[in-house]
C-alpha atoms as a PDB file:
ATOM      1  CA  MET A   1    -136.316 -14.509 142.521  1.00  0.00           C
ATOM      2  CA  LYS A   2    -135.360 -14.500 146.091  1.00  0.00           C
ATOM      3  CA  PHE A   3    -131.997 -13.373 147.348  1.00  0.00           C
ATOM      4  CA  SER A   4    -130.691 -14.028 150.715  1.00  0.00           C
ATOM      5  CA  LYS A   5    -127.412 -12.920 152.373  1.00  0.00           C
ATOM      6  CA  ASN A   6    -126.696 -12.745 155.868  1.00  0.00           C
ATOM      7  CA  ILE A   7    -125.684  -9.199 156.552  1.00  0.00           C
ATOM      8  CA  SER A   8    -124.267  -8.345 159.901  1.00  0.00           C
ATOM      9  CA  ASN A   9    -123.286  -4.831 161.117  1.00  0.00           C
ATOM     10  CA  THR A  10    -119.564  -4.924 161.813  1.00  0.00           C
ATOM     11  CA  SER A  11    -119.548  -1.484 163.403  1.00  0.00           C
ATOM     12  CA  THR A  12    -119.753  -1.400 167.118  1.00  0.00           C
ATOM     13  CA  SER A  13    -121.132   1.290 169.295  1.00  0.00           C
ATOM     14  CA  ARG A  14    -119.241   2.775 171.871  1.00  0.00           C
ATOM     15  CA  VAL A  15    -119.368   5.845 174.144  1.00  0.00           C
ATOM     16  CA  LEU A  16    -116.784   8.461 173.380  1.00  0.00           C
ATOM     17  CA  SER A  17    -114.604  10.044 175.978  1.00  0.00           C
ATOM     18  CA  PRO A  18    -115.152  13.826 176.712  1.00  0.00           C
ATOM     19  CA  GLU A  19    -111.735  14.336 175.072  1.00  0.00           C
ATOM     20  CA  GLU A  20    -112.555  12.157 171.899  1.00  0.00           C
ATOM     21  CA  ALA A  21    -115.903  13.987 171.578  1.00  0.00           C
ATOM     22  CA  ALA A  22    -114.481  17.303 171.787  1.00  0.00           C
ATOM     23  CA  LYS A  23    -111.873  16.239 169.109  1.00  0.00           C
ATOM     24  CA  TYR A  24    -114.660  15.156 166.675  1.00  0.00           C
ATOM     25  CA  GLU A  25    -116.737  18.268 167.395  1.00  0.00           C
ATOM     26  CA  GLU A  26    -113.731  20.563 166.619  1.00  0.00           C
ATOM     27  CA  ALA A  27    -113.039  18.632 163.330  1.00  0.00           C
ATOM     28  CA  PHE A  28    -116.489  18.965 162.253  1.00  0.00           C
ATOM     29  CA  ARG A  29    -116.534  22.781 163.196  1.00  0.00           C
ATOM     30  CA  GLN A  30    -113.314  23.171 161.056  1.00  0.00           C
ATOM     31  CA  ASN A  31    -114.805  21.242 158.063  1.00  0.00           C
ATOM     32  CA  SER A  32    -117.830  23.619 158.332  1.00  0.00           C
ATOM     33  CA  GLN A  33    -115.743  26.664 158.426  1.00  0.00           C
ATOM     34  CA  ASP A  34    -113.690  25.492 155.463  1.00  0.00           C
ATOM     35  CA  MET A  35    -116.874  24.772 153.425  1.00  0.00           C
ATOM     36  CA  GLU A  36    -118.336  28.257 154.418  1.00  0.00           C
ATOM     37  CA  LYS A  37    -114.950  29.767 153.202  1.00  0.00           C
ATOM     38  CA  SER A  38    -115.145  28.028 149.779  1.00  0.00           C
ATOM     39  CA  PHE A  39    -118.672  29.271 149.264  1.00  0.00           C
ATOM     40  CA  ARG A  40    -118.244  32.783 150.620  1.00  0.00           C
ATOM     41  CA  TYR A  41    -117.653  34.181 147.162  1.00  0.00           C
ATOM     42  CA  PHE A  42    -119.900  31.814 145.129  1.00  0.00           C
ATOM     43  CA  HIS A  43    -122.311  34.380 144.311  1.00  0.00           C
ATOM     44  CA  LEU A  44    -119.556  36.315 142.320  1.00  0.00           C
ATOM     45  CA  TYR A  45    -119.392  33.418 139.902  1.00  0.00           C
ATOM     46  CA  PHE A  46    -122.841  34.596 138.521  1.00  0.00           C
ATOM     47  CA  ILE A  47    -122.776  38.239 139.170  1.00  0.00           C
ATOM     48  CA  ILE A  48    -119.483  39.107 137.594  1.00  0.00           C
ATOM     49  CA  PRO A  49    -120.143  37.291 134.156  1.00  0.00           C
ATOM     50  CA  GLY A  50    -123.863  38.496 134.364  1.00  0.00           C
ATOM     51  CA  LEU A  51    -122.730  42.085 134.730  1.00  0.00           C
ATOM     52  CA  ILE A  52    -120.164  41.604 132.002  1.00  0.00           C
ATOM     53  CA  ILE A  53    -123.037  40.206 129.716  1.00  0.00           C
ATOM     54  CA  LEU A  54    -125.401  42.868 130.745  1.00  0.00           C
ATOM     55  CA  ILE A  55    -123.044  45.653 129.811  1.00  0.00           C
ATOM     56  CA  ILE A  56    -122.187  44.155 126.430  1.00  0.00           C
ATOM     57  CA  GLY A  57    -125.970  43.803 125.836  1.00  0.00           C
ATOM     58  CA  LEU A  58    -126.523  47.547 126.790  1.00  0.00           C
ATOM     59  CA  MET A  59    -123.665  48.455 124.576  1.00  0.00           C
ATOM     60  CA  VAL A  60    -125.298  46.621 121.606  1.00  0.00           C
ATOM     61  CA  LEU A  61    -128.625  48.046 122.545  1.00  0.00           C
ATOM     62  CA  ASN A  62    -126.951  51.638 122.374  1.00  0.00           C
ATOM     63  CA  ASN A  63    -125.428  50.669 118.978  1.00  0.00           C
ATOM     64  CA  VAL A  64    -128.994  49.824 117.611  1.00  0.00           C
ATOM     65  CA  PHE A  65    -130.422  53.121 118.768  1.00  0.00           C
ATOM     66  CA  SER A  66    -127.400  55.077 117.468  1.00  0.00           C
ATOM     67  CA  PHE A  67    -127.922  53.223 114.199  1.00  0.00           C
ATOM     68  CA  ILE A  68    -131.559  53.948 114.024  1.00  0.00           C
ATOM     69  CA  ARG A  69    -130.789  57.788 114.904  1.00  0.00           C
ATOM     70  CA  LYS A  70    -128.552  57.919 111.898  1.00  0.00           C
ATOM     71  CA  SER A  71    -130.559  55.807 109.540  1.00  0.00           C
ATOM     72  CA  GLU A  72    -133.020  56.615 106.576  1.00  0.00           C
ATOM     73  CA  THR A  73    -135.825  54.226 105.922  1.00  0.00           C
ATOM     74  CA  VAL A  74    -136.503  53.191 102.280  1.00  0.00           C
ATOM     75  CA  LYS A  75    -138.022  50.260 100.380  1.00  0.00           C
ATOM     76  CA  GLY A  76    -135.776  47.394  99.240  1.00  0.00           C
ATOM     77  CA  LYS A  77    -136.385  44.295  97.165  1.00  0.00           C
ATOM     78  CA  VAL A  78    -134.890  40.847  97.963  1.00  0.00           C
ATOM     79  CA  ILE A  79    -133.214  39.740  94.914  1.00  0.00           C
ATOM     80  CA  GLU A  80    -131.544  36.531  96.061  1.00  0.00           C
ATOM     81  CA  ASN A  81    -131.245  34.149  98.915  1.00  0.00           C
ATOM     82  CA  VAL A  82    -127.654  33.330  99.448  1.00  0.00           C
ATOM     83  CA  LEU A  83    -127.034  29.760 100.541  1.00  0.00           C
ATOM     84  CA  THR A  84    -124.167  29.357 103.214  1.00  0.00           C
ATOM     85  CA  THR A  85    -123.022  26.252 104.871  1.00  0.00           C
ATOM     86  CA  ASP A  86    -121.580  26.551 108.530  1.00  0.00           C
ATOM     87  CA  SER A  87    -118.744  24.368 110.048  1.00  0.00           C
ATOM     88  CA  ASP A  88    -121.501  21.928 111.146  1.00  0.00           C
ATOM     89  CA  GLU A  89    -122.739  21.460 107.567  1.00  0.00           C
ATOM     90  CA  ASP A  90    -125.850  23.265 108.270  1.00  0.00           C
ATOM     91  CA  ASN A  91    -127.335  25.467 105.500  1.00  0.00           C
ATOM     92  CA  TYR A  92    -128.688  29.001 105.997  1.00  0.00           C
ATOM     93  CA  TYR A  93    -130.144  31.408 103.710  1.00  0.00           C
ATOM     94  CA  TYR A  94    -129.259  35.095 103.878  1.00  0.00           C
ATOM     95  CA  PRO A  95    -131.429  37.533 102.022  1.00  0.00           C
ATOM     96  CA  LYS A  96    -129.615  39.797  99.380  1.00  0.00           C
ATOM     97  CA  VAL A  97    -131.382  43.090  99.161  1.00  0.00           C
ATOM     98  CA  THR A  98    -131.062  45.892  96.854  1.00  0.00           C
ATOM     99  CA  PHE A  99    -132.478  49.517  97.452  1.00  0.00           C
ATOM    100  CA  ASN A 100    -131.981  52.956  96.169  1.00  0.00           C
ATOM    101  CA  THR A 101    -130.666  55.720  98.638  1.00  0.00           C
ATOM    102  CA  LYS A 102    -132.515  59.231  98.878  1.00  0.00           C
ATOM    103  CA  THR A 103    -129.914  60.334  96.473  1.00  0.00           C
ATOM    104  CA  GLY A 104    -130.605  57.752  93.969  1.00  0.00           C
ATOM    105  CA  GLU A 105    -127.751  55.462  94.448  1.00  0.00           C
ATOM    106  CA  GLU A 106    -128.300  51.725  93.990  1.00  0.00           C
ATOM    107  CA  ILE A 107    -126.903  49.782  97.013  1.00  0.00           C
ATOM    108  CA  THR A 108    -126.952  46.070  97.351  1.00  0.00           C
ATOM    109  CA  PHE A 109    -126.310  44.307 100.665  1.00  0.00           C
ATOM    110  CA  THR A 110    -126.596  40.781 102.171  1.00  0.00           C
ATOM    111  CA  GLY A 111    -128.516  40.498 105.393  1.00  0.00           C
ATOM    112  CA  ASP A 112    -126.804  39.413 108.634  1.00  0.00           C
ATOM    113  CA  ILE A 113    -129.727  36.979 109.934  1.00  0.00           C
ATOM    114  CA  GLY A 114    -129.839  33.502 108.078  1.00  0.00           C
ATOM    115  CA  SER A 115    -132.398  31.019 108.273  1.00  0.00           C
ATOM    116  CA  TYR A 116    -133.425  27.561 106.963  1.00  0.00           C
ATOM    117  CA  PRO A 117    -135.779  27.768 105.044  1.00  0.00           C
ATOM    118  CA  PRO A 118    -135.416  31.122 103.839  1.00  0.00           C
ATOM    119  CA  ASP A 119    -137.455  34.004 105.703  1.00  0.00           C
ATOM    120  CA  TYR A 120    -137.713  36.132 102.568  1.00  0.00           C
ATOM    121  CA  THR A 121    -138.833  35.254  99.056  1.00  0.00           C
ATOM    122  CA  VAL A 122    -137.185  36.616  96.092  1.00  0.00           C
ATOM    123  CA  GLY A 123    -139.011  39.602  94.884  1.00  0.00           C
ATOM    124  CA  ARG A 124    -140.244  40.549  98.149  1.00  0.00           C
ATOM    125  CA  THR A 125    -140.367  44.269  99.165  1.00  0.00           C
ATOM    126  CA  VAL A 126    -138.792  44.971 102.513  1.00  0.00           C
ATOM    127  CA  GLU A 127    -138.268  48.071 104.593  1.00  0.00           C
ATOM    128  CA  VAL A 128    -134.394  48.826 104.702  1.00  0.00           C
ATOM    129  CA  LEU A 129    -132.673  51.204 107.295  1.00  0.00           C
ATOM    130  CA  TYR A 130    -129.430  52.425 105.962  1.00  0.00           C
ATOM    131  CA  ASN A 131    -126.881  54.701 107.640  1.00  0.00           C
ATOM    132  CA  LYS A 132    -127.000  58.400 106.081  1.00  0.00           C
ATOM    133  CA  GLU A 133    -123.251  58.682 106.599  1.00  0.00           C
ATOM    134  CA  ASP A 134    -122.307  55.188 105.357  1.00  0.00           C
ATOM    135  CA  GLN A 135    -124.929  53.956 102.896  1.00  0.00           C
ATOM    136  CA  TYR A 136    -123.394  50.420 102.822  1.00  0.00           C
ATOM    137  CA  ASP A 137    -124.130  49.977 106.442  1.00  0.00           C
ATOM    138  CA  ALA A 138    -127.597  48.811 105.968  1.00  0.00           C
ATOM    139  CA  LYS A 139    -130.137  46.314 107.454  1.00  0.00           C
ATOM    140  CA  ILE A 140    -133.480  44.799 106.938  1.00  0.00           C
ATOM    141  CA  LYS A 141    -135.852  46.576 109.219  1.00  0.00           C
ATOM    142  CA  SER A 142    -137.204  43.844 111.440  1.00  0.00           C
ATOM    143  CA  PHE A 143    -137.416  42.870 115.020  1.00  0.00           C
ATOM    144  CA  ILE A 144    -134.946  40.042 114.792  1.00  0.00           C
ATOM    145  CA  SER A 145    -132.191  42.011 112.850  1.00  0.00           C
ATOM    146  CA  LEU A 146    -132.373  44.972 115.109  1.00  0.00           C
ATOM    147  CA  TRP A 147    -133.473  43.813 118.692  1.00  0.00           C
ATOM    148  CA  LEU A 148    -132.783  40.124 119.180  1.00  0.00           C
ATOM    149  CA  LEU A 149    -129.169  40.210 120.170  1.00  0.00           C
ATOM    150  CA  PRO A 150    -129.395  43.126 122.473  1.00  0.00           C
ATOM    151  CA  LEU A 151    -132.543  41.584 124.264  1.00  0.00           C
ATOM    152  CA  VAL A 152    -130.948  38.201 124.539  1.00  0.00           C
ATOM    153  CA  LEU A 153    -127.793  39.567 126.157  1.00  0.00           C
ATOM    154  CA  ILE A 154    -129.681  41.862 128.573  1.00  0.00           C
ATOM    155  CA  GLY A 155    -131.875  38.809 129.449  1.00  0.00           C
ATOM    156  CA  PHE A 156    -129.206  36.404 130.051  1.00  0.00           C
ATOM    157  CA  GLY A 157    -127.073  38.931 131.933  1.00  0.00           C
ATOM    158  CA  GLY A 158    -129.922  40.039 134.019  1.00  0.00           C
ATOM    159  CA  ILE A 159    -130.770  36.351 134.981  1.00  0.00           C
ATOM    160  CA  PHE A 160    -127.166  35.757 135.939  1.00  0.00           C
ATOM    161  CA  VAL A 161    -127.050  38.773 138.224  1.00  0.00           C
ATOM    162  CA  LEU A 162    -130.474  37.925 139.804  1.00  0.00           C
ATOM    163  CA  ALA A 163    -129.098  34.325 140.300  1.00  0.00           C
ATOM    164  CA  GLY A 164    -125.971  35.620 142.102  1.00  0.00           C
ATOM    165  CA  PHE A 165    -127.843  37.903 144.379  1.00  0.00           C
ATOM    166  CA  GLY A 166    -130.280  35.059 145.008  1.00  0.00           C
ATOM    167  CA  ALA A 167    -127.482  32.685 145.878  1.00  0.00           C
ATOM    168  CA  LYS A 168    -125.946  35.407 148.245  1.00  0.00           C
ATOM    169  CA  SER A 169    -129.198  36.037 149.972  1.00  0.00           C
ATOM    170  CA  ALA A 170    -129.655  32.164 150.475  1.00  0.00           C
ATOM    171  CA  ARG A 171    -126.389  32.093 151.938  1.00  0.00           C
ATOM    172  CA  LYS A 172    -126.906  34.971 154.395  1.00  0.00           C
ATOM    173  CA  GLU A 173    -130.208  33.292 155.331  1.00  0.00           C
ATOM    174  CA  THR A 174    -128.458  29.953 155.854  1.00  0.00           C
ATOM    175  CA  ASN A 175    -125.644  31.661 158.093  1.00  0.00           C
ATOM    176  CA  SER A 176    -128.165  33.565 160.077  1.00  0.00           C
ATOM    177  CA  ILE A 177    -130.142  30.159 160.840  1.00  0.00           C
ATOM    178  CA  SER A 178    -126.865  28.539 162.144  1.00  0.00           C
END
């Protein structure tokens, strides 16, 4: 198919007087300054949330180290996979574990990391960390249950902080060029 249309340029060219040129130049300069002001603190939108996330991640990491220092390691057994349905109707299985403390007390707890399909089979032996001061404070000794949350928070926080400093650095380079 072929389309044809008569397009004519309705704008006309003319030479601006020095006063008009100065007026347009001033308006352009003012617009540039306004844009520069609006982006002056743009990097802080990354740095501040990044620092908050990073600090929370470091606090969670400190809690993990504290928990490990106060903990005993024993063998436990998965006795059940507890099915839980979340608000999106997704199913997750949480391992229910029983173990005996060093004093012989039997404790049962449900793990705090769920999965679908279940990560642990019923009857599987797992290592359990439990707080010597509060035997009911227990976790399966695994990378995910101990280290995943602090590492994700520290990683995202660090990325946001680096992005913020990168934005600030790019802004400085742009300003030094102009």
